[in-house]
């Protein structure tokens, strides 16, 4: 019994030391989006079908995997764009893959390519 307890304590110590090099715990969802939570003072709780990790809440059924990472890999950030971005657009495509102009855009989702960045936008 003493050997088993000692082995478990050593294993926990090794895992803790390995996780200490990673600053984030990243969660990947079924839709492909990723959310990273800082590991410093991280507290996780599970209640029913939801999990709370730090300040983020997840539906457990939507989680594909979680892993430690060295940087914030979140893909859920939203950038606000204005008409200047549309003026700078070199390419605009609808979800059918058809090229459109800014004046042809109606309600829907579009991919806008500029020299510096690509945007996915929703026109309401």
N, C-alpha and C. Protein backbone atom coordinates (compact mmCIF):
# COMPACT_ATOMS: atom_id res chain seq x y z
N UNK A 1 0.83 -1.19 0.00
CA UNK A 1 0.00 0.00 0.00
C UNK A 1 0.87 1.25 0.00
N UNK A 2 1.96 1.20 0.77
CA UNK A 2 2.85 2.34 0.87
C UNK A 2 3.53 2.63 -0.49
N UNK A 3 3.92 1.56 -1.21
CA UNK A 3 4.54 1.72 -2.53
C UNK A 3 3.56 2.33 -3.53
N UNK A 4 2.30 1.91 -3.49
CA UNK A 4 1.28 2.46 -4.39
C UNK A 4 1.07 3.94 -4.12
N UNK A 5 0.97 4.31 -2.87
CA UNK A 5 0.78 5.71 -2.50
C UNK A 5 1.98 6.54 -2.93
N UNK A 6 3.17 6.04 -2.72
CA UNK A 6 4.38 6.75 -3.13
C UNK A 6 4.43 6.90 -4.66
N UNK A 7 4.07 5.84 -5.38
CA UNK A 7 4.05 5.90 -6.85
C UNK A 7 3.06 6.94 -7.35
N UNK A 8 1.88 6.99 -6.75
CA UNK A 8 0.87 7.99 -7.14
C UNK A 8 1.35 9.40 -6.86
N UNK A 9 2.00 9.62 -5.73
CA UNK A 9 2.51 10.95 -5.40
C UNK A 9 3.58 11.39 -6.39
N UNK A 10 4.46 10.47 -6.79
CA UNK A 10 5.50 10.80 -7.77
C UNK A 10 4.86 11.13 -9.11
N UNK A 11 3.89 10.35 -9.54
CA UNK A 11 3.20 10.59 -10.81
C UNK A 11 2.51 11.94 -10.80
N UNK A 12 1.82 12.28 -9.73
CA UNK A 12 1.16 13.59 -9.63
C UNK A 12 2.18 14.71 -9.68
N UNK A 13 3.30 14.54 -9.03
CA UNK A 13 4.37 15.54 -9.06
C UNK A 13 4.92 15.76 -10.46
N UNK A 14 5.11 14.67 -11.22
CA UNK A 14 5.62 14.77 -12.59
C UNK A 14 4.60 15.47 -13.47
N UNK A 15 3.33 15.10 -13.38
CA UNK A 15 2.29 15.73 -14.20
C UNK A 15 2.15 17.21 -13.88
N UNK A 16 2.24 17.55 -12.60
CA UNK A 16 2.14 18.95 -12.21
C UNK A 16 3.32 19.74 -12.78
N UNK A 17 4.49 19.18 -12.75
CA UNK A 17 5.67 19.86 -13.28
C UNK A 17 5.56 20.06 -14.78
N UNK A 18 5.02 19.07 -15.50
CA UNK A 18 4.86 19.21 -16.95
C UNK A 18 3.81 20.27 -17.30
N UNK A 19 2.71 20.32 -16.58
CA UNK A 19 1.65 21.29 -16.85
C UNK A 19 2.07 22.70 -16.50
N UNK A 20 3.05 22.85 -15.62
CA UNK A 20 3.48 24.18 -15.20
C UNK A 20 4.08 24.99 -16.34
N UNK A 21 4.58 24.35 -17.39
CA UNK A 21 5.16 25.05 -18.52
C UNK A 21 4.11 25.61 -19.48
N UNK A 22 2.88 25.23 -19.32
CA UNK A 22 1.82 25.65 -20.23
C UNK A 22 0.96 26.70 -19.55
N UNK A 23 0.72 27.79 -20.24
CA UNK A 23 -0.06 28.89 -19.66
C UNK A 23 -1.54 28.80 -19.90
N UNK A 24 -1.99 27.90 -20.80
CA UNK A 24 -3.40 27.84 -21.17
C UNK A 24 -3.89 26.40 -21.27
N UNK A 25 -5.15 26.22 -20.95
CA UNK A 25 -5.86 24.98 -21.22
C UNK A 25 -6.82 25.32 -22.35
N UNK A 26 -6.66 24.68 -23.50
CA UNK A 26 -7.44 25.01 -24.68
C UNK A 26 -8.51 23.95 -24.91
N UNK A 27 -9.74 24.42 -25.16
CA UNK A 27 -10.88 23.55 -25.43
C UNK A 27 -11.25 23.70 -26.90
N UNK A 28 -11.42 22.56 -27.59
CA UNK A 28 -11.86 22.59 -28.99
C UNK A 28 -13.29 22.09 -29.06
N UNK A 29 -14.16 22.86 -29.75
CA UNK A 29 -15.57 22.54 -29.86
C UNK A 29 -15.88 21.77 -31.15
N UNK A 30 -17.09 21.23 -31.23
CA UNK A 30 -17.50 20.45 -32.40
C UNK A 30 -17.48 21.28 -33.67
N UNK A 31 -17.69 22.58 -33.60
CA UNK A 31 -17.66 23.44 -34.78
C UNK A 31 -16.26 23.84 -35.20
N UNK A 32 -15.23 23.41 -34.45
CA UNK A 32 -13.85 23.73 -34.79
C UNK A 32 -13.30 24.93 -34.04
N UNK A 33 -14.15 25.72 -33.40
CA UNK A 33 -13.64 26.88 -32.68
C UNK A 33 -12.90 26.44 -31.42
N UNK A 34 -11.95 27.27 -31.00
CA UNK A 34 -11.13 26.96 -29.84
C UNK A 34 -11.25 28.09 -28.82
N UNK A 35 -11.25 27.72 -27.54
CA UNK A 35 -11.27 28.69 -26.46
C UNK A 35 -10.17 28.31 -25.48
N UNK A 36 -9.28 29.26 -25.19
CA UNK A 36 -8.19 29.02 -24.25
C UNK A 36 -8.47 29.72 -22.93
N UNK A 37 -8.16 29.04 -21.84
CA UNK A 37 -8.37 29.56 -20.50
C UNK A 37 -7.02 29.55 -19.79
N UNK A 38 -6.62 30.67 -19.16
CA UNK A 38 -5.34 30.68 -18.44
C UNK A 38 -5.32 29.62 -17.34
N UNK A 39 -4.19 28.93 -17.20
CA UNK A 39 -4.09 27.86 -16.20
C UNK A 39 -3.76 28.37 -14.81
N UNK A 40 -3.33 29.61 -14.70
CA UNK A 40 -2.98 30.15 -13.39
C UNK A 40 -4.23 30.22 -12.52
N UNK A 41 -4.21 29.56 -11.41
CA UNK A 41 -5.33 29.51 -10.46
C UNK A 41 -6.61 29.01 -11.12
N UNK A 42 -6.49 28.09 -12.07
CA UNK A 42 -7.65 27.57 -12.79
C UNK A 42 -8.51 26.69 -11.89
N UNK A 43 -9.80 26.95 -11.90
CA UNK A 43 -10.76 26.14 -11.17
C UNK A 43 -11.79 25.63 -12.17
N UNK A 44 -12.05 24.32 -12.14
CA UNK A 44 -13.03 23.72 -13.05
C UNK A 44 -14.11 23.03 -12.23
N UNK A 45 -15.37 23.26 -12.66
CA UNK A 45 -16.50 22.59 -12.01
C UNK A 45 -17.43 22.05 -13.09
N UNK A 46 -18.07 20.92 -12.79
CA UNK A 46 -19.03 20.32 -13.70
C UNK A 46 -20.36 20.21 -12.97
N UNK A 47 -21.41 20.69 -13.64
CA UNK A 47 -22.75 20.63 -13.07
C UNK A 47 -23.71 20.21 -14.18
N UNK A 48 -24.23 19.01 -14.09
CA UNK A 48 -25.16 18.52 -15.11
C UNK A 48 -24.46 18.40 -16.45
N UNK A 49 -24.92 19.16 -17.45
CA UNK A 49 -24.37 19.08 -18.80
C UNK A 49 -23.41 20.22 -19.10
N UNK A 50 -23.07 21.04 -18.10
CA UNK A 50 -22.18 22.17 -18.33
C UNK A 50 -20.91 22.05 -17.50
N UNK A 51 -19.85 22.65 -18.02
CA UNK A 51 -18.58 22.70 -17.31
C UNK A 51 -18.14 24.15 -17.27
N UNK A 52 -17.67 24.59 -16.13
CA UNK A 52 -17.13 25.93 -15.98
C UNK A 52 -15.63 25.80 -15.74
N UNK A 53 -14.85 26.47 -16.59
CA UNK A 53 -13.39 26.48 -16.46
C UNK A 53 -12.97 27.94 -16.42
N UNK A 54 -12.53 28.38 -15.25
CA UNK A 54 -12.19 29.80 -15.10
C UNK A 54 -13.45 30.63 -15.24
N UNK A 55 -13.47 31.54 -16.21
CA UNK A 55 -14.63 32.39 -16.45
C UNK A 55 -15.46 31.92 -17.64
N UNK A 56 -15.10 30.80 -18.25
CA UNK A 56 -15.79 30.29 -19.44
C UNK A 56 -16.71 29.14 -19.08
N UNK A 57 -17.87 29.10 -19.74
CA UNK A 57 -18.84 28.03 -19.54
C UNK A 57 -18.99 27.25 -20.83
N UNK A 58 -18.97 25.91 -20.74
CA UNK A 58 -19.05 25.05 -21.91
C UNK A 58 -20.16 24.03 -21.73
N UNK A 59 -20.83 23.68 -22.84
CA UNK A 59 -21.75 22.56 -22.86
C UNK A 59 -20.88 21.34 -23.15
N UNK A 60 -20.90 20.38 -22.27
CA UNK A 60 -20.00 19.23 -22.37
C UNK A 60 -20.16 18.49 -23.69
N UNK A 61 -21.38 18.37 -24.19
CA UNK A 61 -21.62 17.64 -25.44
C UNK A 61 -20.95 18.32 -26.64
N UNK A 62 -20.63 19.62 -26.53
CA UNK A 62 -20.00 20.36 -27.64
C UNK A 62 -18.49 20.30 -27.62
N UNK A 63 -17.90 19.69 -26.59
CA UNK A 63 -16.44 19.63 -26.49
C UNK A 63 -15.90 18.41 -27.23
N UNK A 64 -14.89 18.65 -28.07
CA UNK A 64 -14.23 17.57 -28.79
C UNK A 64 -12.99 17.11 -28.03
N UNK A 65 -12.17 18.09 -27.64
CA UNK A 65 -10.96 17.76 -26.89
C UNK A 65 -10.49 18.98 -26.11
N UNK A 66 -9.61 18.72 -25.16
CA UNK A 66 -8.94 19.80 -24.43
C UNK A 66 -7.49 19.41 -24.26
N UNK A 67 -6.62 20.42 -24.28
CA UNK A 67 -5.19 20.17 -24.17
C UNK A 67 -4.50 21.42 -23.65
N UNK A 68 -3.32 21.23 -23.07
CA UNK A 68 -2.53 22.35 -22.60
C UNK A 68 -1.79 22.98 -23.77
N UNK A 69 -1.68 24.32 -23.76
CA UNK A 69 -0.96 25.03 -24.82
C UNK A 69 -0.16 26.17 -24.21
N UNK A 70 0.83 26.63 -24.96
CA UNK A 70 1.70 27.69 -24.47
C UNK A 70 1.19 29.08 -24.80
N UNK A 71 0.19 29.18 -25.69
CA UNK A 71 -0.35 30.48 -26.06
C UNK A 71 -1.88 30.40 -26.15
N UNK A 72 -2.52 31.56 -26.17
CA UNK A 72 -3.97 31.64 -26.29
C UNK A 72 -4.35 31.28 -27.72
N UNK A 73 -5.07 30.19 -27.91
CA UNK A 73 -5.46 29.72 -29.24
C UNK A 73 -6.92 30.01 -29.56
N UNK A 74 -7.55 30.88 -28.78
CA UNK A 74 -8.96 31.17 -28.98
C UNK A 74 -9.24 31.66 -30.39
N UNK A 75 -10.31 31.13 -30.98
CA UNK A 75 -10.71 31.53 -32.33
C UNK A 75 -12.08 32.18 -32.33
N UNK A 76 -12.52 32.63 -31.17
CA UNK A 76 -13.86 33.19 -31.10
C UNK A 76 -13.87 34.71 -31.03
N UNK A 77 -12.70 35.33 -31.24
CA UNK A 77 -12.64 36.78 -31.20
C UNK A 77 -13.40 37.37 -32.38
N UNK A 78 -14.06 38.49 -32.15
CA UNK A 78 -14.82 39.16 -33.20
C UNK A 78 -14.23 40.55 -33.40
N UNK A 79 -13.83 40.85 -34.63
CA UNK A 79 -13.33 42.17 -34.97
C UNK A 79 -14.47 42.98 -35.57
N UNK A 80 -14.57 44.22 -35.18
CA UNK A 80 -15.55 45.13 -35.78
C UNK A 80 -14.92 45.73 -37.04
N UNK A 81 -15.68 45.75 -38.12
CA UNK A 81 -15.18 46.39 -39.33
C UNK A 81 -16.11 47.53 -39.69
N UNK A 82 -15.59 48.45 -40.47
CA UNK A 82 -16.40 49.59 -40.91
C UNK A 82 -16.37 49.67 -42.43
N UNK A 83 -16.95 50.72 -42.96
CA UNK A 83 -17.04 50.87 -44.42
C UNK A 83 -15.65 51.00 -45.05
N UNK A 84 -14.66 51.45 -44.29
CA UNK A 84 -13.30 51.55 -44.81
C UNK A 84 -12.78 50.18 -45.19
N UNK A 85 -13.10 49.16 -44.39
CA UNK A 85 -12.67 47.80 -44.70
C UNK A 85 -13.28 47.35 -46.02
N UNK A 86 -14.55 47.67 -46.24
CA UNK A 86 -15.18 47.31 -47.52
C UNK A 86 -14.52 48.04 -48.68
N UNK A 87 -14.12 49.29 -48.46
CA UNK A 87 -13.44 50.05 -49.51
C UNK A 87 -12.08 49.43 -49.85
N UNK A 88 -11.41 48.85 -48.83
CA UNK A 88 -10.10 48.24 -49.03
C UNK A 88 -10.19 46.81 -49.56
N UNK A 89 -11.40 46.26 -49.61
CA UNK A 89 -11.57 44.86 -50.00
C UNK A 89 -11.10 44.63 -51.42
N UNK A 90 -10.23 43.63 -51.57
CA UNK A 90 -9.77 43.25 -52.90
C UNK A 90 -10.66 42.17 -53.48
N UNK A 91 -11.24 41.35 -52.59
CA UNK A 91 -12.12 40.27 -53.02
C UNK A 91 -13.25 40.12 -52.02
N UNK A 92 -14.46 39.90 -52.52
CA UNK A 92 -15.61 39.60 -51.68
C UNK A 92 -16.32 38.40 -52.29
N UNK A 93 -16.54 37.37 -51.47
CA UNK A 93 -17.22 36.17 -51.94
C UNK A 93 -18.39 35.85 -51.03
N UNK A 94 -19.47 35.32 -51.64
CA UNK A 94 -20.57 34.80 -50.82
C UNK A 94 -20.26 33.34 -50.48
N UNK A 95 -21.14 32.69 -49.73
CA UNK A 95 -20.86 31.32 -49.32
C UNK A 95 -21.00 30.30 -50.44
N UNK A 96 -21.52 30.72 -51.58
CA UNK A 96 -21.58 29.85 -52.74
C UNK A 96 -20.28 29.90 -53.54
N UNK A 97 -19.37 30.79 -53.11
CA UNK A 97 -18.10 30.94 -53.80
C UNK A 97 -18.15 31.91 -54.96
N UNK A 98 -19.25 32.65 -55.09
CA UNK A 98 -19.37 33.61 -56.18
C UNK A 98 -18.81 34.96 -55.75
N UNK A 99 -18.03 35.57 -56.63
CA UNK A 99 -17.45 36.87 -56.33
C UNK A 99 -18.54 37.94 -56.47
N UNK A 100 -18.61 38.84 -55.51
CA UNK A 100 -19.60 39.92 -55.53
C UNK A 100 -18.90 41.23 -55.22
N UNK A 101 -19.60 42.32 -55.45
CA UNK A 101 -19.09 43.64 -55.09
C UNK A 101 -19.78 44.09 -53.81
N UNK A 102 -19.27 45.15 -53.21
CA UNK A 102 -19.86 45.67 -51.98
C UNK A 102 -21.30 46.11 -52.16
N UNK A 103 -21.64 46.59 -53.33
CA UNK A 103 -23.02 47.05 -53.58
C UNK A 103 -23.97 45.88 -53.81
N UNK A 104 -23.45 44.71 -54.15
CA UNK A 104 -24.28 43.53 -54.38
C UNK A 104 -24.58 42.75 -53.11
N UNK A 105 -23.96 43.12 -52.01
CA UNK A 105 -24.13 42.37 -50.77
C UNK A 105 -25.52 42.59 -50.19
N UNK A 106 -26.20 41.49 -49.91
CA UNK A 106 -27.51 41.50 -49.26
C UNK A 106 -27.38 40.77 -47.94
N UNK A 107 -28.48 40.42 -47.31
CA UNK A 107 -28.41 39.65 -46.07
C UNK A 107 -27.69 38.34 -46.34
N UNK A 108 -26.78 37.99 -45.45
CA UNK A 108 -26.05 36.74 -45.61
C UNK A 108 -24.65 36.82 -45.04
N UNK A 109 -23.85 35.80 -45.33
CA UNK A 109 -22.48 35.69 -44.84
C UNK A 109 -21.53 35.86 -46.02
N UNK A 110 -20.46 36.64 -45.82
CA UNK A 110 -19.51 36.92 -46.88
C UNK A 110 -18.08 36.78 -46.37
N UNK A 111 -17.17 36.46 -47.28
CA UNK A 111 -15.75 36.41 -47.00
C UNK A 111 -15.12 37.59 -47.72
N UNK A 112 -14.43 38.46 -46.95
CA UNK A 112 -13.82 39.66 -47.51
C UNK A 112 -12.31 39.55 -47.35
N UNK A 113 -11.60 39.70 -48.45
CA UNK A 113 -10.15 39.66 -48.42
C UNK A 113 -9.56 41.03 -48.66
N UNK A 114 -8.71 41.50 -47.74
CA UNK A 114 -7.96 42.74 -47.92
C UNK A 114 -6.49 42.38 -48.04
N UNK A 115 -5.63 43.38 -48.20
CA UNK A 115 -4.19 43.11 -48.30
C UNK A 115 -3.66 42.49 -47.02
N UNK A 116 -4.21 42.89 -45.88
CA UNK A 116 -3.64 42.48 -44.59
C UNK A 116 -4.38 41.36 -43.88
N UNK A 117 -5.65 41.17 -44.19
CA UNK A 117 -6.44 40.24 -43.39
C UNK A 117 -7.64 39.74 -44.17
N UNK A 118 -8.16 38.59 -43.75
CA UNK A 118 -9.38 38.05 -44.33
C UNK A 118 -10.46 38.07 -43.25
N UNK A 119 -11.66 38.50 -43.60
CA UNK A 119 -12.77 38.61 -42.66
C UNK A 119 -13.93 37.74 -43.10
N UNK A 120 -14.65 37.19 -42.16
CA UNK A 120 -15.94 36.55 -42.43
C UNK A 120 -16.96 37.47 -41.76
N UNK A 121 -17.92 37.98 -42.53
CA UNK A 121 -18.88 38.92 -41.96
C UNK A 121 -20.30 38.44 -42.20
N UNK A 122 -21.19 38.93 -41.37
CA UNK A 122 -22.62 38.66 -41.50
C UNK A 122 -23.30 39.98 -41.77
N UNK A 123 -24.04 40.06 -42.87
CA UNK A 123 -24.83 41.24 -43.19
C UNK A 123 -26.25 40.95 -42.79
N UNK A 124 -26.79 41.80 -41.91
CA UNK A 124 -28.15 41.60 -41.41
C UNK A 124 -29.12 42.54 -42.07
